PDB file of N, CA and C in Angstrom:
ATOM      1  N   UNK A   1       0.827  -1.174   0.000  1.00  0.00           N
ATOM      2  CA  UNK A   1       0.000   0.000   0.000  1.00  0.00           C
ATOM      3  C   UNK A   1       0.876   1.244   0.000  1.00  0.00           C
ATOM      4  N   UNK A   2       0.625   2.164  -0.909  1.00  0.00           N
ATOM      5  CA  UNK A   2       1.415   3.375  -1.024  1.00  0.00           C
ATOM      6  C   UNK A   2       0.908   4.425  -0.029  1.00  0.00           C
ATOM      7  N   UNK A   3       1.851   5.021   0.700  1.00  0.00           N
ATOM      8  CA  UNK A   3       1.498   6.056   1.664  1.00  0.00           C
ATOM      9  C   UNK A   3       1.544   7.414   0.978  1.00  0.00           C
ATOM     10  N   UNK A   4       0.489   8.208   1.162  1.00  0.00           N
ATOM     11  CA  UNK A   4       0.456   9.550   0.607  1.00  0.00           C
ATOM     12  C   UNK A   4       1.451  10.435   1.344  1.00  0.00           C
ATOM     13  N   UNK A   5       2.142  11.269   0.605  1.00  0.00           N
ATOM     14  CA  UNK A   5       3.064  12.221   1.208  1.00  0.00           C
ATOM     15  C   UNK A   5       2.265  13.403   1.754  1.00  0.00           C
ATOM     16  N   UNK A   6       2.802  14.022   2.798  1.00  0.00           N
ATOM     17  CA  UNK A   6       2.138  15.150   3.433  1.00  0.00           C
ATOM     18  C   UNK A   6       2.926  16.434   3.200  1.00  0.00           C
ATOM     19  N   UNK A   7       2.312  17.538   3.535  1.00  0.00           N
ATOM     20  CA  UNK A   7       2.982  18.832   3.563  1.00  0.00           C
ATOM     21  C   UNK A   7       3.223  19.151   5.030  1.00  0.00           C
ATOM     22  N   UNK A   8       4.475  19.394   5.386  1.00  0.00           N
ATOM     23  CA  UNK A   8       4.823  19.693   6.764  1.00  0.00           C
ATOM     24  C   UNK A   8       5.185  21.167   6.899  1.00  0.00           C
ATOM     25  N   UNK A   9       4.608  21.805   7.900  1.00  0.00           N
ATOM     26  CA  UNK A   9       4.901  23.198   8.212  1.00  0.00           C
ATOM     27  C   UNK A   9       5.695  23.201   9.506  1.00  0.00           C
ATOM     28  N   UNK A  10       6.875  23.841   9.491  1.00  0.00           N
ATOM     29  CA  UNK A  10       7.743  23.877  10.667  1.00  0.00           C
ATOM     30  C   UNK A  10       7.782  25.299  11.212  1.00  0.00           C
ATOM     31  N   UNK A  11       7.395  25.466  12.478  1.00  0.00           N
ATOM     32  CA  UNK A  11       7.417  26.763  13.154  1.00  0.00           C
ATOM     33  C   UNK A  11       8.511  26.771  14.217  1.00  0.00           C
ATOM     34  N   UNK A  12       8.843  27.972  14.687  1.00  0.00           N
ATOM     35  CA  UNK A  12       9.863  28.106  15.736  1.00  0.00           C
ATOM     36  C   UNK A  12       9.385  27.600  17.085  1.00  0.00           C
ATOM     37  N   UNK A  13       8.138  27.921  17.424  1.00  0.00           N
ATOM     38  CA  UNK A  13       7.657  27.649  18.774  1.00  0.00           C
ATOM     39  C   UNK A  13       6.342  26.894  18.755  1.00  0.00           C
ATOM     40  N   UNK A  14       6.037  26.297  19.889  1.00  0.00           N
ATOM     41  CA  UNK A  14       4.774  25.587  20.043  1.00  0.00           C
ATOM     42  C   UNK A  14       3.601  26.558  19.858  1.00  0.00           C
ATOM     43  N   UNK A  15       3.729  27.778  20.373  1.00  0.00           N
ATOM     44  CA  UNK A  15       2.668  28.777  20.236  1.00  0.00           C
ATOM     45  C   UNK A  15       2.400  29.105  18.772  1.00  0.00           C
ATOM     46  N   UNK A  16       3.452  29.315  17.987  1.00  0.00           N
ATOM     47  CA  UNK A  16       3.275  29.613  16.567  1.00  0.00           C
ATOM     48  C   UNK A  16       2.673  28.408  15.839  1.00  0.00           C
ATOM     49  N   UNK A  17       3.135  27.212  16.153  1.00  0.00           N
ATOM     50  CA  UNK A  17       2.574  26.005  15.534  1.00  0.00           C
ATOM     51  C   UNK A  17       1.101  25.852  15.891  1.00  0.00           C
ATOM     52  N   UNK A  18       0.750  26.172  17.136  1.00  0.00           N
ATOM     53  CA  UNK A  18      -0.641  26.110  17.573  1.00  0.00           C
ATOM     54  C   UNK A  18      -1.506  27.076  16.761  1.00  0.00           C
ATOM     55  N   UNK A  19      -1.020  28.291  16.546  1.00  0.00           N
ATOM     56  CA  UNK A  19      -1.767  29.272  15.754  1.00  0.00           C
ATOM     57  C   UNK A  19      -1.936  28.827  14.304  1.00  0.00           C
ATOM     58  N   UNK A  20      -0.875  28.294  13.709  1.00  0.00           N
ATOM     59  CA  UNK A  20      -0.953  27.811  12.328  1.00  0.00           C
ATOM     60  C   UNK A  20      -1.926  26.632  12.247  1.00  0.00           C
ATOM     61  N   UNK A  21      -1.830  25.723  13.213  1.00  0.00           N
ATOM     62  CA  UNK A  21      -2.712  24.550  13.227  1.00  0.00           C
ATOM     63  C   UNK A  21      -4.175  24.976  13.313  1.00  0.00           C
ATOM     64  N   UNK A  22      -4.471  25.934  14.173  1.00  0.00           N
ATOM     65  CA  UNK A  22      -5.861  26.413  14.282  1.00  0.00           C
ATOM     66  C   UNK A  22      -6.312  27.059  12.974  1.00  0.00           C
ATOM     67  N   UNK A  23      -5.418  27.787  12.320  1.00  0.00           N
ATOM     68  CA  UNK A  23      -5.767  28.467  11.068  1.00  0.00           C
ATOM     69  C   UNK A  23      -6.114  27.481   9.951  1.00  0.00           C
ATOM     70  N   UNK A  24      -5.440  26.333   9.927  1.00  0.00           N
ATOM     71  CA  UNK A  24      -5.716  25.365   8.856  1.00  0.00           C
ATOM     72  C   UNK A  24      -6.644  24.238   9.309  1.00  0.00           C
ATOM     73  N   UNK A  25      -7.063  24.276  10.570  1.00  0.00           N
ATOM     74  CA  UNK A  25      -7.991  23.264  11.076  1.00  0.00           C
ATOM     75  C   UNK A  25      -7.345  21.963  11.491  1.00  0.00           C
ATOM     76  N   UNK A  26      -6.042  21.998  11.810  1.00  0.00           N
ATOM     77  CA  UNK A  26      -5.344  20.792  12.265  1.00  0.00           C
ATOM     78  C   UNK A  26      -5.549  20.623  13.769  1.00  0.00           C
ATOM     79  N   UNK A  27      -5.487  19.383  14.224  1.00  0.00           N
ATOM     80  CA  UNK A  27      -5.682  19.071  15.633  1.00  0.00           C
ATOM     81  C   UNK A  27      -4.466  18.300  16.155  1.00  0.00           C
ATOM     82  N   UNK A  28      -4.269  18.253  17.487  1.00  0.00           N
ATOM     83  CA  UNK A  28      -3.129  17.505  18.029  1.00  0.00           C
ATOM     84  C   UNK A  28      -3.126  16.057  17.534  1.00  0.00           C
ATOM     85  N   UNK A  29      -1.938  15.617  17.109  1.00  0.00           N
ATOM     86  CA  UNK A  29      -1.816  14.261  16.579  1.00  0.00           C
ATOM     87  C   UNK A  29      -0.646  13.546  17.218  1.00  0.00           C
ATOM     88  N   UNK A  30      -0.303  13.943  18.384  1.00  0.00           N
ATOM     89  CA  UNK A  30       0.838  13.378  19.081  1.00  0.00           C
ATOM     90  C   UNK A  30       1.457  14.472  19.913  1.00  0.00           C
ATOM     91  N   UNK A  31       2.517  14.129  20.597  1.00  0.00           N
ATOM     92  CA  UNK A  31       3.141  15.087  21.504  1.00  0.00           C
ATOM     93  C   UNK A  31       3.867  16.212  20.770  1.00  0.00           C
ATOM     94  N   UNK A  32       4.266  15.963  19.519  1.00  0.00           N
ATOM     95  CA  UNK A  32       5.133  16.920  18.826  1.00  0.00           C
ATOM     96  C   UNK A  32       4.574  17.485  17.530  1.00  0.00           C
ATOM     97  N   UNK A  33       3.323  17.225  17.212  1.00  0.00           N
ATOM     98  CA  UNK A  33       2.784  17.826  15.995  1.00  0.00           C
ATOM     99  C   UNK A  33       1.257  17.824  15.972  1.00  0.00           C
ATOM    100  N   UNK A  34       0.742  18.635  15.061  1.00  0.00           N
ATOM    101  CA  UNK A  34      -0.686  18.693  14.758  1.00  0.00           C
ATOM    102  C   UNK A  34      -0.858  18.095  13.373  1.00  0.00           C
ATOM    103  N   UNK A  35      -2.070  17.644  13.068  1.00  0.00           N
ATOM    104  CA  UNK A  35      -2.296  17.059  11.749  1.00  0.00           C
ATOM    105  C   UNK A  35      -3.703  17.356  11.241  1.00  0.00           C
ATOM    106  N   UNK A  36      -3.788  17.417   9.952  1.00  0.00           N
ATOM    107  CA  UNK A  36      -5.043  17.502   9.205  1.00  0.00           C
ATOM    108  C   UNK A  36      -4.756  16.730   7.937  1.00  0.00           C
ATOM    109  N   UNK A  37      -5.746  16.129   7.344  1.00  0.00           N
ATOM    110  CA  UNK A  37      -5.508  15.307   6.166  1.00  0.00           C
ATOM    111  C   UNK A  37      -4.579  16.013   5.178  1.00  0.00           C
ATOM    112  N   UNK A  38      -3.425  15.402   4.960  1.00  0.00           N
ATOM    113  CA  UNK A  38      -2.449  15.935   4.015  1.00  0.00           C
ATOM    114  C   UNK A  38      -1.474  16.938   4.599  1.00  0.00           C
ATOM    115  N   UNK A  39      -1.648  17.339   5.867  1.00  0.00           N
ATOM    116  CA  UNK A  39      -0.806  18.363   6.479  1.00  0.00           C
ATOM    117  C   UNK A  39      -0.335  17.941   7.869  1.00  0.00           C
ATOM    118  N   UNK A  40       0.837  18.436   8.235  1.00  0.00           N
ATOM    119  CA  UNK A  40       1.337  18.313   9.602  1.00  0.00           C
ATOM    120  C   UNK A  40       1.964  19.646   9.973  1.00  0.00           C
ATOM    121  N   UNK A  41       1.813  20.028  11.232  1.00  0.00           N
ATOM    122  CA  UNK A  41       2.430  21.255  11.751  1.00  0.00           C
ATOM    123  C   UNK A  41       3.255  20.861  12.969  1.00  0.00           C
ATOM    124  N   UNK A  42       4.524  21.256  12.975  1.00  0.00           N
ATOM    125  CA  UNK A  42       5.396  20.952  14.098  1.00  0.00           C
ATOM    126  C   UNK A  42       6.203  22.187  14.457  1.00  0.00           C
ATOM    127  N   UNK A  43       6.994  22.101  15.496  1.00  0.00           N
ATOM    128  CA  UNK A  43       7.799  23.235  15.945  1.00  0.00           C
ATOM    129  C   UNK A  43       9.141  22.730  16.414  1.00  0.00           C
ATOM    130  N   UNK A  44      10.137  23.628  16.410  1.00  0.00           N
ATOM    131  CA  UNK A  44      11.505  23.211  16.706  1.00  0.00           C
ATOM    132  C   UNK A  44      11.963  23.525  18.122  1.00  0.00           C
ATOM    133  N   UNK A  45      11.335  24.486  18.791  1.00  0.00           N
ATOM    134  CA  UNK A  45      11.820  24.944  20.107  1.00  0.00           C
ATOM    135  C   UNK A  45      13.277  25.372  20.037  1.00  0.00           C
ATOM    136  N   UNK A  46      13.644  25.984  18.968  1.00  0.00           N
ATOM    137  CA  UNK A  46      15.020  26.441  18.797  1.00  0.00           C
ATOM    138  C   UNK A  46      15.467  26.169  17.380  1.00  0.00           C
ATOM    139  N   UNK A  47      16.715  26.334  17.140  1.00  0.00           N
ATOM    140  CA  UNK A  47      17.247  26.241  15.783  1.00  0.00           C
ATOM    141  C   UNK A  47      17.690  24.824  15.454  1.00  0.00           C
ATOM    142  N   UNK A  48      16.750  23.877  15.419  1.00  0.00           N
ATOM    143  CA  UNK A  48      17.163  22.517  15.074  1.00  0.00           C
ATOM    144  C   UNK A  48      16.818  22.168  13.630  1.00  0.00           C
ATOM    145  N   UNK A  49      16.314  23.157  12.898  1.00  0.00           N
ATOM    146  CA  UNK A  49      16.099  22.977  11.465  1.00  0.00           C
ATOM    147  C   UNK A  49      17.050  23.922  10.764  1.00  0.00           C
ATOM    148  N   UNK A  50      17.800  23.402   9.791  1.00  0.00           N
ATOM    149  CA  UNK A  50      18.754  24.236   9.077  1.00  0.00           C
ATOM    150  C   UNK A  50      18.443  24.213   7.584  1.00  0.00           C
ATOM    151  N   UNK A  51      18.952  25.202   6.915  1.00  0.00           N
ATOM    152  CA  UNK A  51      18.752  25.307   5.478  1.00  0.00           C
ATOM    153  C   UNK A  51      20.097  25.169   4.774  1.00  0.00           C
ATOM    154  N   UNK A  52      20.106  24.452   3.673  1.00  0.00           N
ATOM    155  CA  UNK A  52      21.310  24.376   2.854  1.00  0.00           C
ATOM    156  C   UNK A  52      20.903  24.739   1.430  1.00  0.00           C
ATOM    157  N   UNK A  53      21.747  25.506   0.777  1.00  0.00           N
ATOM    158  CA  UNK A  53      21.445  25.966  -0.574  1.00  0.00           C
ATOM    159  C   UNK A  53      21.282  24.770  -1.504  1.00  0.00           C
ATOM    160  N   UNK A  54      20.277  24.805  -2.319  1.00  0.00           N
ATOM    161  CA  UNK A  54      20.009  23.740  -3.277  1.00  0.00           C
ATOM    162  C   UNK A  54      20.487  24.197  -4.653  1.00  0.00           C
ATOM    163  N   UNK A  55      21.665  23.749  -5.104  1.00  0.00           N
ATOM    164  CA  UNK A  55      22.188  24.218  -6.389  1.00  0.00           C
ATOM    165  C   UNK A  55      21.360  23.763  -7.582  1.00  0.00           C
ATOM    166  N   UNK A  56      20.508  22.757  -7.416  1.00  0.00           N
ATOM    167  CA  UNK A  56      19.658  22.293  -8.522  1.00  0.00           C
ATOM    168  C   UNK A  56      18.440  23.192  -8.705  1.00  0.00           C
ATOM    169  N   UNK A  57      18.152  23.994  -7.693  1.00  0.00           N
ATOM    170  CA  UNK A  57      17.006  24.896  -7.745  1.00  0.00           C
ATOM    171  C   UNK A  57      17.454  26.195  -8.417  1.00  0.00           C
ATOM    172  N   UNK A  58      16.747  26.647  -9.455  1.00  0.00           N
ATOM    173  CA  UNK A  58      17.138  27.927 -10.043  1.00  0.00           C
ATOM    174  C   UNK A  58      16.937  29.037  -9.012  1.00  0.00           C
ATOM    175  N   UNK A  59      17.935  29.889  -8.880  1.00  0.00           N
ATOM    176  CA  UNK A  59      17.845  30.955  -7.885  1.00  0.00           C
ATOM    177  C   UNK A  59      16.860  31.999  -8.388  1.00  0.00           C
ATOM    178  N   UNK A  60      15.802  32.220  -7.628  1.00  0.00           N
ATOM    179  CA  UNK A  60      14.764  33.174  -8.019  1.00  0.00           C
ATOM    180  C   UNK A  60      14.759  34.304  -7.014  1.00  0.00           C
ATOM    181  N   UNK A  61      14.799  35.513  -7.522  1.00  0.00           N
ATOM    182  CA  UNK A  61      14.751  36.689  -6.673  1.00  0.00           C
ATOM    183  C   UNK A  61      14.006  37.772  -7.434  1.00  0.00           C
ATOM    184  N   UNK A  62      13.020  38.343  -6.805  1.00  0.00           N
ATOM    185  CA  UNK A  62      12.322  39.467  -7.417  1.00  0.00           C
ATOM    186  C   UNK A  62      12.093  40.527  -6.358  1.00  0.00           C
ATOM    187  N   UNK A  63      11.843  41.738  -6.795  1.00  0.00           N
ATOM    188  CA  UNK A  63      11.731  42.849  -5.846  1.00  0.00           C
ATOM    189  C   UNK A  63      10.476  42.787  -4.987  1.00  0.00           C
ATOM    190  N   UNK A  64       9.524  41.927  -5.320  1.00  0.00           N
ATOM    191  CA  UNK A  64       8.313  41.835  -4.502  1.00  0.00           C
ATOM    192  C   UNK A  64       8.348  40.651  -3.528  1.00  0.00           C
ATOM    193  N   UNK A  65       9.478  39.948  -3.437  1.00  0.00           N
ATOM    194  CA  UNK A  65       9.598  38.814  -2.523  1.00  0.00           C
ATOM    195  C   UNK A  65      10.079  39.286  -1.155  1.00  0.00           C
ATOM    196  N   UNK A  66       9.525  38.699  -0.110  1.00  0.00           N
ATOM    197  CA  UNK A  66      10.007  38.983   1.231  1.00  0.00           C
ATOM    198  C   UNK A  66      11.267  38.151   1.480  1.00  0.00           C
ATOM    199  N   UNK A  67      12.068  38.500   2.490  1.00  0.00           N
ATOM    200  CA  UNK A  67      13.252  37.683   2.785  1.00  0.00           C
ATOM    201  C   UNK A  67      12.894  36.218   3.050  1.00  0.00           C
ATOM    202  N   UNK A  68      11.750  35.974   3.696  1.00  0.00           N
ATOM    203  CA  UNK A  68      11.354  34.596   3.973  1.00  0.00           C
ATOM    204  C   UNK A  68      11.068  33.828   2.684  1.00  0.00           C
ATOM    205  N   UNK A  69      10.468  34.485   1.703  1.00  0.00           N
ATOM    206  CA  UNK A  69      10.176  33.807   0.438  1.00  0.00           C
ATOM    207  C   UNK A  69      11.462  33.478  -0.301  1.00  0.00           C
ATOM    208  N   UNK A  70      12.408  34.388  -0.324  1.00  0.00           N
ATOM    209  CA  UNK A  70      13.690  34.124  -0.980  1.00  0.00           C
ATOM    210  C   UNK A  70      14.372  32.959  -0.278  1.00  0.00           C
ATOM    211  N   UNK A  71      14.406  33.021   1.037  1.00  0.00           N
ATOM    212  CA  UNK A  71      15.042  31.990   1.845  1.00  0.00           C
ATOM    213  C   UNK A  71      14.407  30.630   1.598  1.00  0.00           C
ATOM    214  N   UNK A  72      13.094  30.562   1.653  1.00  0.00           N
ATOM    215  CA  UNK A  72      12.412  29.276   1.545  1.00  0.00           C
ATOM    216  C   UNK A  72      12.546  28.664   0.158  1.00  0.00           C
ATOM    217  N   UNK A  73      12.489  29.475  -0.892  1.00  0.00           N
ATOM    218  CA  UNK A  73      12.496  28.925  -2.237  1.00  0.00           C
ATOM    219  C   UNK A  73      13.846  28.315  -2.620  1.00  0.00           C
ATOM    220  N   UNK A  74      14.922  28.915  -2.196  1.00  0.00           N
ATOM    221  CA  UNK A  74      16.240  28.525  -2.687  1.00  0.00           C
ATOM    222  C   UNK A  74      16.992  27.529  -1.815  1.00  0.00           C
ATOM    223  N   UNK A  75      16.336  27.051  -0.766  1.00  0.00           N
ATOM    224  CA  UNK A  75      17.036  26.179   0.169  1.00  0.00           C
ATOM    225  C   UNK A  75      16.238  24.911   0.453  1.00  0.00           C
ATOM    226  N   UNK A  76      16.983  23.858   0.779  1.00  0.00           N
ATOM    227  CA  UNK A  76      16.390  22.625   1.274  1.00  0.00           C
ATOM    228  C   UNK A  76      16.501  22.645   2.794  1.00  0.00           C
ATOM    229  N   UNK A  77      15.514  22.085   3.454  1.00  0.00           N
ATOM    230  CA  UNK A  77      15.502  22.109   4.906  1.00  0.00           C
ATOM    231  C   UNK A  77      15.729  20.706   5.452  1.00  0.00           C
ATOM    232  N   UNK A  78      16.514  20.629   6.500  1.00  0.00           N
ATOM    233  CA  UNK A  78      16.814  19.356   7.149  1.00  0.00           C
ATOM    234  C   UNK A  78      16.950  19.596   8.643  1.00  0.00           C
ATOM    235  N   UNK A  79      16.874  18.542   9.394  1.00  0.00           N
ATOM    236  CA  UNK A  79      17.021  18.639  10.832  1.00  0.00           C
ATOM    237  C   UNK A  79      18.504  18.740  11.167  1.00  0.00           C
ATOM    238  N   UNK A  80      18.861  19.779  11.889  1.00  0.00           N
ATOM    239  CA  UNK A  80      20.249  19.986  12.307  1.00  0.00           C
ATOM    240  C   UNK A  80      20.558  19.030  13.450  1.00  0.00           C
ATOM    241  N   UNK A  81      21.654  18.346  13.334  1.00  0.00           N
ATOM    242  CA  UNK A  81      22.061  17.420  14.388  1.00  0.00           C
ATOM    243  C   UNK A  81      23.548  17.641  14.650  1.00  0.00           C
ATOM    244  N   UNK A  82      23.896  18.861  15.015  1.00  0.00           N
ATOM    245  CA  UNK A  82      25.292  19.238  15.191  1.00  0.00           C
ATOM    246  C   UNK A  82      25.819  18.997  16.601  1.00  0.00           C
ATOM    247  N   UNK A  83      24.971  18.520  17.490  1.00  0.00           N
ATOM    248  CA  UNK A  83      25.372  18.381  18.885  1.00  0.00           C
ATOM    249  C   UNK A  83      26.537  17.422  19.076  1.00  0.00           C
ATOM    250  N   UNK A  84      26.638  16.414  18.216  1.00  0.00           N
ATOM    251  CA  UNK A  84      27.757  15.468  18.327  1.00  0.00           C
ATOM    252  C   UNK A  84      29.089  16.185  18.125  1.00  0.00           C
ATOM    253  N   UNK A  85      29.083  17.179  17.243  1.00  0.00           N
ATOM    254  CA  UNK A  85      30.312  17.902  16.931  1.00  0.00           C
ATOM    255  C   UNK A  85      30.750  18.776  18.099  1.00  0.00           C
ATOM    256  N   UNK A  86      29.794  19.436  18.757  1.00  0.00           N
ATOM    257  CA  UNK A  86      30.148  20.360  19.837  1.00  0.00           C
ATOM    258  C   UNK A  86      30.119  19.716  21.208  1.00  0.00           C
ATOM    259  N   UNK A  87      29.743  18.452  21.294  1.00  0.00           N
ATOM    260  CA  UNK A  87      29.799  17.736  22.548  1.00  0.00           C
ATOM    261  C   UNK A  87      28.621  17.939  23.477  1.00  0.00           C
ATOM    262  N   UNK A  88      27.514  18.435  22.952  1.00  0.00           N
ATOM    263  CA  UNK A  88      26.324  18.638  23.775  1.00  0.00           C
ATOM    264  C   UNK A  88      25.553  17.337  23.898  1.00  0.00           C
ATOM    265  N   UNK A  89      25.183  16.974  25.107  1.00  0.00           N
ATOM    266  CA  UNK A  89      24.375  15.782  25.307  1.00  0.00           C
ATOM    267  C   UNK A  89      22.904  16.169  25.256  1.00  0.00           C
ATOM    268  N   UNK A  90      22.186  15.584  24.328  1.00  0.00           N
ATOM    269  CA  UNK A  90      20.766  15.883  24.196  1.00  0.00           C
ATOM    270  C   UNK A  90      19.988  15.259  25.342  1.00  0.00           C
ATOM    271  N   UNK A  91      18.919  15.939  25.722  1.00  0.00           N
ATOM    272  CA  UNK A  91      17.982  15.375  26.683  1.00  0.00           C
ATOM    273  C   UNK A  91      17.074  14.417  25.925  1.00  0.00           C
ATOM    274  N   UNK A  92      16.399  13.551  26.639  1.00  0.00           N
ATOM    275  CA  UNK A  92      15.480  12.598  26.004  1.00  0.00           C
ATOM    276  C   UNK A  92      14.411  13.329  25.201  1.00  0.00           C
ATOM    277  N   UNK A  93      13.922  14.458  25.718  1.00  0.00           N
ATOM    278  CA  UNK A  93      12.898  15.224  24.993  1.00  0.00           C
ATOM    279  C   UNK A  93      13.450  15.790  23.688  1.00  0.00           C
ATOM    280  N   UNK A  94      14.710  16.266  23.699  1.00  0.00           N
ATOM    281  CA  UNK A  94      15.337  16.769  22.473  1.00  0.00           C
ATOM    282  C   UNK A  94      15.416  15.669  21.420  1.00  0.00           C
ATOM    283  N   UNK A  95      15.831  14.482  21.857  1.00  0.00           N
ATOM    284  CA  UNK A  95      15.946  13.352  20.929  1.00  0.00           C
ATOM    285  C   UNK A  95      14.587  12.954  20.372  1.00  0.00           C
ATOM    286  N   UNK A  96      13.567  12.941  21.222  1.00  0.00           N
ATOM    287  CA  UNK A  96      12.216  12.595  20.763  1.00  0.00           C
ATOM    288  C   UNK A  96      11.721  13.620  19.755  1.00  0.00           C
ATOM    289  N   UNK A  97      11.976  14.908  20.002  1.00  0.00           N
ATOM    290  CA  UNK A  97      11.561  15.961  19.068  1.00  0.00           C
ATOM    291  C   UNK A  97      12.273  15.795  17.726  1.00  0.00           C
ATOM    292  N   UNK A  98      13.593  15.552  17.760  1.00  0.00           N
ATOM    293  CA  UNK A  98      14.340  15.326  16.524  1.00  0.00           C
ATOM    294  C   UNK A  98      13.771  14.141  15.752  1.00  0.00           C
ATOM    295  N   UNK A  99      13.500  13.052  16.446  1.00  0.00           N
ATOM    296  CA  UNK A  99      12.940  11.869  15.784  1.00  0.00           C
ATOM    297  C   UNK A  99      11.592  12.177  15.148  1.00  0.00           C
ATOM    298  N   UNK A 100      10.756  12.940  15.849  1.00  0.00           N
ATOM    299  CA  UNK A 100       9.430  13.284  15.313  1.00  0.00           C
ATOM    300  C   UNK A 100       9.553  14.160  14.072  1.00  0.00           C
ATOM    301  N   UNK A 101      10.435  15.157  14.123  1.00  0.00           N
ATOM    302  CA  UNK A 101      10.611  16.044  12.966  1.00  0.00           C
ATOM    303  C   UNK A 101      11.213  15.271  11.793  1.00  0.00           C
ATOM    304  N   UNK A 102      12.197  14.418  12.055  1.00  0.00           N
ATOM    305  CA  UNK A 102      12.793  13.614  10.978  1.00  0.00           C
ATOM    306  C   UNK A 102      11.749  12.709  10.326  1.00  0.00           C
ATOM    307  N   UNK A 103      10.865  12.123  11.122  1.00  0.00           N
ATOM    308  CA  UNK A 103       9.817  11.260  10.576  1.00  0.00           C
ATOM    309  C   UNK A 103       8.851  12.072   9.704  1.00  0.00           C
ATOM    310  N   UNK A 104       8.493  13.264  10.157  1.00  0.00           N
ATOM    311  CA  UNK A 104       7.616  14.121   9.349  1.00  0.00           C
ATOM    312  C   UNK A 104       8.300  14.523   8.049  1.00  0.00           C
ATOM    313  N   UNK A 105       9.586  14.914   8.116  1.00  0.00           N
ATOM    314  CA  UNK A 105      10.320  15.283   6.910  1.00  0.00           C
ATOM    315  C   UNK A 105      10.350  14.111   5.928  1.00  0.00           C
ATOM    316  N   UNK A 106      10.596  12.917   6.437  1.00  0.00           N
ATOM    317  CA  UNK A 106      10.697  11.725   5.583  1.00  0.00           C
ATOM    318  C   UNK A 106       9.383  11.452   4.850  1.00  0.00           C
ATOM    319  N   UNK A 107       8.270  11.764   5.498  1.00  0.00           N
ATOM    320  CA  UNK A 107       6.953  11.504   4.908  1.00  0.00           C
ATOM    321  C   UNK A 107       6.369  12.716   4.205  1.00  0.00           C
ATOM    322  N   UNK A 108       7.190  13.727   3.940  1.00  0.00           N
ATOM    323  CA  UNK A 108       6.694  14.969   3.344  1.00  0.00           C
ATOM    324  C   UNK A 108       7.091  15.096   1.887  1.00  0.00           C
ATOM    325  N   UNK A 109       6.146  15.578   1.094  1.00  0.00           N
ATOM    326  CA  UNK A 109       6.463  15.941  -0.281  1.00  0.00           C
ATOM    327  C   UNK A 109       6.942  17.381  -0.330  1.00  0.00           C
ATOM    328  N   UNK A 110       6.608  18.148   0.723  1.00  0.00           N
ATOM    329  CA  UNK A 110       6.973  19.555   0.792  1.00  0.00           C
ATOM    330  C   UNK A 110       7.113  19.944   2.258  1.00  0.00           C
ATOM    331  N   UNK A 111       8.156  20.707   2.573  1.00  0.00           N
ATOM    332  CA  UNK A 111       8.341  21.251   3.912  1.00  0.00           C
ATOM    333  C   UNK A 111       8.270  22.771   3.795  1.00  0.00           C
ATOM    334  N   UNK A 112       7.371  23.372   4.549  1.00  0.00           N
ATOM    335  CA  UNK A 112       7.211  24.817   4.532  1.00  0.00           C
ATOM    336  C   UNK A 112       7.888  25.406   5.772  1.00  0.00           C
ATOM    337  N   UNK A 113       8.773  26.343   5.540  1.00  0.00           N
ATOM    338  CA  UNK A 113       9.502  26.990   6.615  1.00  0.00           C
ATOM    339  C   UNK A 113       8.679  28.153   7.151  1.00  0.00           C
ATOM    340  N   UNK A 114       8.191  28.012   8.379  1.00  0.00           N
ATOM    341  CA  UNK A 114       7.484  29.108   9.036  1.00  0.00           C
ATOM    342  C   UNK A 114       8.316  29.632  10.204  1.00  0.00           C
ATOM    343  N   UNK A 115       9.624  29.403  10.127  1.00  0.00           N
ATOM    344  CA  UNK A 115      10.527  29.908  11.149  1.00  0.00           C
ATOM    345  C   UNK A 115      11.145  31.208  10.655  1.00  0.00           C
ATOM    346  N   UNK A 116      11.652  32.001  11.566  1.00  0.00           N
ATOM    347  CA  UNK A 116      12.332  33.232  11.181  1.00  0.00           C
ATOM    348  C   UNK A 116      13.745  32.891  10.719  1.00  0.00           C
ATOM    349  N   UNK A 117      14.147  33.341   9.545  1.00  0.00           N
ATOM    350  CA  UNK A 117      15.509  33.089   9.092  1.00  0.00           C
ATOM    351  C   UNK A 117      16.504  33.746  10.025  1.00  0.00           C
ATOM    352  N   UNK A 118      17.610  33.081  10.256  1.00  0.00           N
ATOM    353  CA  UNK A 118      18.669  33.666  11.062  1.00  0.00           C
ATOM    354  C   UNK A 118      19.734  34.219  10.133  1.00  0.00           C
ATOM    355  N   UNK A 119      20.357  35.330  10.505  1.00  0.00           N
ATOM    356  CA  UNK A 119      21.361  35.924   9.618  1.00  0.00           C
ATOM    357  C   UNK A 119      22.581  35.041   9.479  1.00  0.00           C
TER     358      UNK A 119
END
């Protein structure tokens, strides 16, 4: 049986994810996300989602685009897991959140960045 891919929206905070979920009619679907048919809304509680430039994507920039639109269009998003490099020991909750976000990303046809870009 083929599983349908979802659209995942990633917010910075639980409060922002809650507002987005209410706006699209999504309801709690676990400890770390909201869901509505075809959609999931989650939050990072910090900068655990990173963007890397996608060289296969044509760089699009126009004068009517906001910084968030430029940022979102030209980058691929992935879960940052840099703690091993800097020696930070994750808490069990951090690991569970990472696992939940990675699972949502894996099942997504599209990830929408609703986080504030960092300089």
